[in-house]
Each structure stands twice: as structure tokens, then as C-alpha cells.
Amino acid sequence: MNTQYRKNLPGTSLDYFDARAAVDAIKPGAYATLPYTARVHAENLVRKGEPEKLTAYLGQLIERKRDLD
């Protein structure tokens, strides 16, 4: 599990995974240009993707490529 982008929801004991921060760390402003389905996929990758490959996976979404599984 990737914990780098896991954040606490203020005022609660709940956590969330900040996909926007993960995508924008690679290319600032890129999250706003992603289609809704790509945003959902990005959150899933941030939540369950291999941490050492996360940048490559998210880069594929940003560039709209299909080189990696």
C-alpha cells in the first residue's frame, strides 16, 4: 500500500488518498485535465499501486498512453 499520499481527513479519524497531489506532483495542473474515469483510476493506483512504480503508472494516465499494465 502506498502511504506517501495518505492523509488524515480533518476533524475525523478517517484517512483518504490524495490522488490530486500525486498527479500534480508529476505534472502541475494535470489532474484538472483528466477525465472523470482517469481520476477514479488514479485514486485506485495511489491507493493500491506499487509505490516504486506509481510515478510511471500515473504518467501513463497523464500522457494518455497504454504502455504499462
Protein backbone atom coordinates (compact mmCIF):
# COMPACT_ATOMS: atom_id res chain seq x y z
CA MET A 1 0.00 0.00 0.00
CA ASN A 2 1.20 3.47 -0.86
CA THR A 3 1.24 5.68 2.23
CA GLN A 4 3.00 8.70 0.74
CA TYR A 5 -0.27 10.36 -0.31
CA ARG A 6 -2.40 9.06 2.56
CA LYS A 7 -3.78 12.00 4.52
CA ASN A 8 -6.00 12.48 7.53
CA LEU A 9 -9.44 13.97 6.97
CA PRO A 10 -9.51 16.99 9.32
CA GLY A 11 -11.79 16.66 12.31
CA THR A 12 -12.17 12.89 11.95
CA SER A 13 -10.23 9.70 12.45
CA LEU A 14 -10.62 8.89 8.74
CA ASP A 15 -7.89 8.86 6.10
CA TYR A 16 -8.05 9.44 2.36
CA PHE A 17 -5.66 9.08 -0.55
CA ASP A 18 -4.88 12.37 -2.30
CA ALA A 19 -4.79 11.44 -5.99
CA ARG A 20 -4.75 15.11 -7.00
CA ALA A 21 -1.50 15.70 -5.10
CA ALA A 22 0.06 12.57 -6.60
CA VAL A 23 -0.81 13.51 -10.19
CA ASP A 24 0.06 17.19 -9.79
CA ALA A 25 3.44 16.25 -8.27
CA ILE A 26 4.34 14.71 -11.64
CA LYS A 27 2.88 17.46 -13.84
CA PRO A 28 1.34 20.50 -12.12
CA GLY A 29 -2.28 21.07 -13.17
CA ALA A 30 -2.59 17.69 -14.88
CA TYR A 31 -5.28 16.38 -12.52
CA ALA A 32 -7.73 19.07 -13.66
CA THR A 33 -7.37 17.90 -17.28
CA LEU A 34 -8.03 14.21 -16.59
CA PRO A 35 -11.43 12.74 -17.46
CA TYR A 36 -13.50 11.51 -14.52
CA THR A 37 -12.75 7.85 -15.17
CA ALA A 38 -9.00 8.56 -15.25
CA ARG A 39 -9.32 10.36 -11.90
CA VAL A 40 -11.00 7.31 -10.40
CA HIS A 41 -8.26 5.10 -11.82
CA ALA A 42 -5.60 7.47 -10.46
CA GLU A 43 -7.09 7.20 -6.97
CA ASN A 44 -7.05 3.41 -7.20
CA LEU A 45 -3.41 3.49 -8.30
CA VAL A 46 -2.46 5.80 -5.43
CA ARG A 47 -4.32 3.56 -3.00
CA LYS A 48 -3.13 0.13 -4.18
CA GLY A 49 -0.34 0.58 -6.76
CA GLU A 50 3.23 -0.41 -6.13
CA PRO A 51 4.93 2.67 -4.61
CA GLU A 52 8.10 2.29 -6.70
CA LYS A 53 6.07 2.24 -9.93
CA LEU A 54 3.45 4.85 -9.01
CA THR A 55 5.07 7.68 -10.97
CA ALA A 56 5.24 5.53 -14.10
CA TYR A 57 1.61 4.42 -13.72
CA LEU A 58 0.30 7.94 -13.19
CA GLY A 59 2.49 9.24 -16.01
CA GLN A 60 0.68 6.85 -18.33
CA LEU A 61 -2.65 8.38 -17.32
CA ILE A 62 -1.37 11.93 -17.73
CA GLU A 63 0.08 11.25 -21.18
CA ARG A 64 -2.87 9.02 -22.13
CA LYS A 65 -0.67 6.11 -23.09
CA ARG A 66 -1.14 2.36 -22.66
CA ASP A 67 2.43 1.10 -22.45
CA LEU A 68 2.14 -0.35 -18.91
CA ASP A 69 -0.39 -2.67 -17.31
